[in-house]
Protein backbone atom coordinates (compact mmCIF):
# COMPACT_ATOMS: atom_id res chain seq x y z
CA MET A 1 -4.40 24.09 -0.26
CA SER A 2 -4.12 20.58 1.13
CA ARG A 3 -2.76 17.93 -1.20
CA GLU A 4 -3.04 14.16 -1.29
CA LEU A 5 -1.02 11.53 -3.08
CA LEU A 6 -2.30 8.09 -4.00
CA ILE A 7 0.46 5.57 -4.70
CA LEU A 8 -0.91 2.61 -6.66
CA ARG A 9 1.06 -0.52 -7.37
CA HIS A 10 -0.01 -2.42 -10.47
CA ALA A 11 -2.25 -5.44 -9.96
CA LYS A 12 -1.06 -9.06 -10.19
CA SER A 13 0.68 -9.69 -13.50
CA SER A 14 0.94 -12.84 -15.55
CA TRP A 15 4.31 -14.55 -15.70
CA ASP A 16 3.19 -17.14 -18.26
CA SER A 17 1.47 -14.87 -20.80
CA GLY A 18 4.10 -15.38 -23.46
CA ALA A 19 5.01 -11.67 -23.38
CA SER A 20 8.39 -11.16 -25.01
CA THR A 21 9.62 -8.65 -22.40
CA ASP A 22 8.96 -7.69 -18.78
CA PHE A 23 7.57 -4.37 -20.04
CA ASP A 24 4.90 -6.20 -22.09
CA ARG A 25 3.62 -8.52 -19.33
CA PRO A 26 -0.20 -8.16 -18.94
CA LEU A 27 -2.35 -8.62 -15.87
CA ALA A 28 -3.19 -12.09 -14.62
CA LYS A 29 -6.81 -13.11 -13.98
CA ARG A 30 -6.53 -12.04 -10.33
CA GLY A 31 -5.12 -8.67 -11.40
CA ARG A 32 -7.99 -8.10 -13.83
CA LYS A 33 -10.38 -8.71 -10.92
CA ASP A 34 -8.49 -6.64 -8.31
CA ALA A 35 -7.90 -3.47 -10.37
CA PRO A 36 -11.59 -2.49 -10.77
CA ARG A 37 -12.15 -3.37 -7.11
CA VAL A 38 -9.50 -0.80 -6.12
CA GLY A 39 -11.20 1.77 -8.36
CA ARG A 40 -14.59 1.14 -6.75
CA TYR A 41 -13.00 1.48 -3.31
CA LEU A 42 -11.34 4.80 -4.20
CA MET A 43 -14.60 6.10 -5.68
CA SER A 44 -16.61 5.09 -2.59
CA GLU A 45 -14.08 6.87 -0.35
CA GLY A 46 -14.22 10.05 -2.45
CA LEU A 47 -10.56 9.66 -3.45
CA VAL A 48 -10.86 10.56 -7.13
CA PRO A 49 -7.58 12.06 -8.37
CA ASP A 50 -7.32 15.34 -10.28
CA TYR A 51 -4.21 14.12 -12.08
CA VAL A 52 -3.11 10.55 -12.88
CA VAL A 53 0.37 9.54 -14.01
CA SER A 54 1.40 5.94 -14.69
CA SER A 55 4.17 3.73 -15.92
CA PRO A 56 3.53 2.79 -19.54
CA ALA A 57 4.37 -0.88 -18.86
CA GLU A 58 1.45 -3.08 -19.92
CA ARG A 59 0.52 -4.35 -16.42
CA ALA A 60 0.57 -0.82 -14.98
CA LYS A 61 -1.37 0.56 -17.95
CA GLN A 62 -4.07 -2.13 -17.64
CA THR A 63 -4.29 -1.53 -13.87
CA VAL A 64 -4.58 2.24 -14.00
CA ILE A 65 -7.10 2.20 -16.86
CA ALA A 66 -9.32 -0.28 -14.96
CA VAL A 67 -9.01 1.67 -11.69
CA CYS A 68 -9.76 4.98 -13.40
CA ALA A 69 -12.72 3.58 -15.35
CA GLU A 70 -14.46 2.87 -12.03
CA MET A 71 -14.00 6.53 -11.07
CA GLY A 72 -15.23 7.96 -14.38
CA ILE A 73 -11.76 8.93 -15.58
CA ASP A 74 -11.17 8.26 -19.29
CA ARG A 75 -7.95 6.57 -20.42
CA GLU A 76 -7.14 9.76 -22.39
CA GLN A 77 -6.87 11.60 -19.06
CA VAL A 78 -4.11 9.24 -17.83
CA ASN A 79 -0.57 10.52 -18.36
CA PHE A 80 1.95 7.80 -19.15
CA ASP A 81 5.52 8.62 -18.15
CA SER A 82 8.38 6.27 -19.04
CA ARG A 83 10.42 7.61 -16.10
CA ILE A 84 8.23 5.53 -13.76
CA TYR A 85 9.25 2.11 -15.18
CA HIS A 86 12.18 0.72 -13.13
CA ALA A 87 12.37 4.06 -11.29
CA GLY A 88 14.03 4.82 -8.01
CA THR A 89 12.93 7.46 -5.54
CA GLY A 90 14.67 10.35 -7.34
CA SER A 91 12.94 9.68 -10.64
CA LEU A 92 9.55 9.18 -8.99
CA LEU A 93 9.92 12.45 -7.08
CA SER A 94 10.82 14.16 -10.35
CA VAL A 95 7.63 12.81 -11.95
CA LEU A 96 5.58 14.07 -8.98
CA ASN A 97 7.35 17.46 -9.08
CA ASP A 98 5.97 17.82 -12.63
CA SER A 99 2.35 17.45 -11.45
CA PRO A 100 0.06 20.38 -12.26
CA VAL A 101 0.33 23.16 -9.68
CA ASP A 102 -3.44 23.19 -9.12
CA ALA A 103 -3.84 19.41 -8.68
CA ARG A 104 -5.16 18.68 -5.21
CA ARG A 105 -5.03 14.87 -5.44
CA VAL A 106 -2.50 13.05 -7.62
CA MET A 107 -2.30 9.31 -8.29
CA ILE A 108 0.95 7.70 -9.41
CA ALA A 109 0.83 4.09 -10.63
CA GLY A 110 3.88 1.91 -11.05
CA HIS A 111 6.11 -0.82 -9.71
CA ASN A 112 8.11 -2.11 -6.77
CA PRO A 113 10.64 -1.70 -5.34
CA GLY A 114 10.42 1.95 -6.42
CA LEU A 115 6.96 2.62 -4.97
CA GLU A 116 7.84 1.12 -1.58
CA MET A 117 11.01 3.23 -1.46
CA LEU A 118 9.02 6.33 -2.45
CA LEU A 119 6.44 5.70 0.28
CA GLN A 120 9.09 5.26 2.95
CA ASN A 121 11.06 8.29 1.71
CA LEU A 122 8.06 10.63 1.61
CA CYS A 123 6.67 9.82 5.05
CA ASN A 124 7.76 11.96 7.96
CA HIS A 125 7.35 8.94 10.24
CA GLU A 126 8.29 5.27 10.10
CA VAL A 127 5.89 3.23 8.01
CA PRO A 128 5.06 0.03 9.91
CA MET A 129 6.07 -3.11 8.01
CA PRO A 130 3.27 -5.71 7.65
CA ASP A 131 3.84 -9.24 8.94
CA ASP A 132 4.47 -10.51 5.40
CA TYR A 133 7.12 -7.79 4.78
CA LYS A 134 5.24 -6.60 1.69
CA LEU A 135 4.55 -2.92 2.14
CA MET A 136 3.04 -2.46 -1.33
CA PRO A 137 1.82 -5.83 -2.63
CA THR A 138 0.10 -5.95 -6.00
CA ALA A 139 -2.97 -3.69 -6.29
CA ALA A 140 -2.18 -1.90 -3.03
CA VAL A 141 -2.88 1.81 -2.73
CA ALA A 142 -1.34 4.19 -0.22
CA GLN A 143 -3.03 7.49 0.65
CA LEU A 144 -0.74 10.26 1.86
CA ASP A 145 -1.28 13.82 3.02
CA ILE A 146 1.31 16.01 1.32
CA LEU A 147 2.80 18.84 3.36
CA SER A 148 4.15 20.88 0.42
CA ASP A 149 3.27 21.79 -3.13
CA TRP A 150 4.14 19.30 -5.88
CA GLN A 151 7.10 21.29 -7.17
CA SER A 152 8.74 21.33 -3.70
CA LEU A 153 7.89 17.75 -2.76
CA GLU A 154 10.79 15.85 -1.25
CA GLY A 155 11.43 13.22 1.38
CA GLY A 156 9.82 13.65 4.78
CA LEU A 157 7.00 15.90 3.55
CA ALA A 158 4.09 13.47 3.77
CA ARG A 159 2.02 11.56 6.28
CA LEU A 160 0.58 8.11 5.57
CA VAL A 161 -3.20 8.20 6.06
CA ASN A 162 -4.08 4.72 4.83
CA LEU A 163 -2.55 1.72 3.11
CA THR A 164 -5.12 -0.57 1.52
CA ARG A 165 -4.50 -3.97 -0.02
CA ALA A 166 -6.73 -5.44 -2.72
CA ARG A 167 -7.39 -8.58 -0.68
CA SER A 168 -9.05 -6.45 2.03
CA LEU A 169 -11.56 -5.12 -0.53
CA ARG A 170 -13.75 -8.23 -0.91
CA ASN A 171 -16.94 -6.14 -0.65
CA TYR A 172 -16.07 -3.94 -3.63
């Protein structure tokens, strides 16, 4: 069975929201506009995940709920895992290793720098760095082919198919 991984970075967050902690920061206006756009793009490309796991931080939660709503996935179907917040590659791989055995397409939503490190670690080839040196800017989604099952997933067992930035999705 072929497997795919969607790596979703949260949309643009608000730095002046008055949130008492980094964990509680909500999306900014641009983020609230970009997140549904990413969901519409994924839906139009037939990239609806079987399993969704997200950081429980407010900006990630708001992003993944908006993205999933555009694909007909209820918020109750999203799994929130505290291991994703401030996670490095090892923790993110552990989260992915816990994905359901029968899931064909998994989406993980979270934060940088962890997601960029995960993307680079998983790929069995060098991921080209964009001119702005931002591999996973806000509301970016990477699509990877996975060359193992979830429980055996480790570095070098994926191939980057596509990396899409929210700003390229003006028509969605």
